[in-house]
Amino acid sequence: MRSSETEPVYERELMLSQFNRFIQDLLRDHVSRNCFCAWEIELLVDLQDCPLREAGRRSTLLQYQKAGLRHLASGFSTPLKFSEFFQQRGAKAKSG
């Protein structure tokens, strides 16, 4: 869902920061908190449901982080689902 133009800039910046911190936690393979936003839980479940090889996990998460930050910076109020990114990535690999 795209956010409205009236949404304060700090809310977008806050979401960008939270998303970035969340992905950094996943990259470190250590999440040291016990309280999550609804979108973080949805992303964790979505990530768990995708067939991600352990060998390519880090590079895929880094690519997802870049795509997710672009997605949020373009005006969406919620992060890109990992499954959507995973599908787009697979489609590009097959066509290219």
Protein backbone atom coordinates (compact mmCIF):
# COMPACT_ATOMS: atom_id res chain seq x y z
CA MET A 1 0.00 0.00 0.00
CA ARG A 2 1.37 3.38 -0.97
CA SER A 3 1.41 5.95 1.77
CA SER A 4 -0.33 9.26 1.31
CA GLU A 5 1.56 12.40 0.43
CA THR A 6 0.46 13.86 3.75
CA GLU A 7 2.28 11.19 5.73
CA PRO A 8 5.01 12.94 7.69
CA VAL A 9 8.52 12.41 6.41
CA TYR A 10 9.67 11.23 9.84
CA GLU A 11 7.22 8.30 9.70
CA ARG A 12 8.70 7.16 6.39
CA GLU A 13 12.21 7.61 7.76
CA LEU A 14 11.25 5.66 10.87
CA MET A 15 9.93 2.77 8.76
CA LEU A 16 13.10 2.78 6.63
CA SER A 17 15.21 2.68 9.79
CA GLN A 18 13.14 -0.09 11.40
CA PHE A 19 13.23 -2.20 8.24
CA ASN A 20 16.98 -1.74 7.90
CA ARG A 21 17.58 -2.68 11.54
CA PHE A 22 15.33 -5.73 11.21
CA ILE A 23 17.20 -7.03 8.15
CA GLN A 24 20.54 -6.38 9.87
CA ASP A 25 19.34 -8.55 12.77
CA LEU A 26 18.45 -11.31 10.31
CA LEU A 27 21.83 -11.00 8.59
CA ARG A 28 23.59 -11.38 11.95
CA ASP A 29 21.29 -14.35 12.59
CA HIS A 30 20.59 -12.90 16.01
CA VAL A 31 17.43 -11.05 16.97
CA SER A 32 17.89 -9.94 20.56
CA ARG A 33 14.42 -8.60 21.25
CA ASN A 34 11.13 -10.20 22.11
CA CYS A 35 8.70 -7.56 20.87
CA PHE A 36 7.91 -7.29 17.16
CA CYS A 37 5.72 -5.12 14.95
CA ALA A 38 3.02 -6.92 12.97
CA TRP A 39 4.89 -6.36 9.69
CA GLU A 40 8.04 -7.93 11.18
CA ILE A 41 6.14 -11.06 12.17
CA GLU A 42 4.57 -11.25 8.71
CA LEU A 43 8.02 -10.97 7.14
CA LEU A 44 9.44 -13.67 9.42
CA VAL A 45 6.64 -16.06 8.47
CA ASP A 46 6.95 -15.12 4.80
CA LEU A 47 10.71 -15.65 4.90
CA GLN A 48 10.28 -19.02 6.58
CA ASP A 49 7.87 -20.15 3.85
CA CYS A 50 10.30 -19.37 1.00
CA PRO A 51 12.75 -22.05 -0.16
CA LEU A 52 15.95 -20.19 0.66
CA ARG A 53 19.21 -22.14 0.44
CA GLU A 54 21.50 -21.65 3.41
CA ALA A 55 24.51 -21.12 1.13
CA GLY A 56 22.93 -18.09 -0.57
CA ARG A 57 20.99 -16.76 2.41
CA ARG A 58 23.22 -13.78 3.19
CA SER A 59 23.51 -12.50 -0.38
CA THR A 60 19.77 -12.98 -0.95
CA LEU A 61 18.94 -11.07 2.25
CA LEU A 62 21.28 -8.24 1.18
CA GLN A 63 19.55 -8.06 -2.20
CA TYR A 64 16.17 -8.12 -0.47
CA GLN A 65 17.27 -5.34 1.87
CA LYS A 66 18.17 -3.10 -1.08
CA ALA A 67 14.90 -3.88 -2.87
CA GLY A 68 12.91 -3.35 0.33
CA LEU A 69 14.53 0.01 1.01
CA ARG A 70 13.82 1.12 -2.58
CA HIS A 71 10.21 -0.07 -2.16
CA LEU A 72 9.73 1.95 1.03
CA ALA A 73 11.56 5.00 -0.33
CA SER A 74 9.24 5.04 -3.34
CA GLY A 75 6.30 5.74 -1.06
CA PHE A 76 4.95 2.39 0.15
CA SER A 77 4.00 2.33 3.83
CA THR A 78 4.67 -1.38 4.35
CA PRO A 79 7.75 -3.40 3.42
CA LEU A 80 7.95 -5.52 0.30
CA LYS A 81 7.04 -9.12 1.07
CA PHE A 82 9.99 -11.45 0.80
CA SER A 83 7.92 -13.87 -1.28
CA GLU A 84 7.20 -11.11 -3.83
CA PHE A 85 10.88 -10.27 -4.02
CA PHE A 86 11.74 -13.96 -4.31
CA GLN A 87 9.27 -14.42 -7.18
CA GLN A 88 10.54 -11.33 -9.02
CA ARG A 89 14.11 -12.50 -8.58
CA GLY A 90 13.21 -15.96 -9.94
CA ALA A 91 11.38 -14.45 -12.91
CA LYS A 92 14.40 -12.29 -13.77
CA ALA A 93 16.73 -15.27 -13.57
CA LYS A 94 14.53 -17.30 -15.94
CA SER A 95 14.17 -14.47 -18.48
CA GLY A 96 17.77 -13.33 -18.37
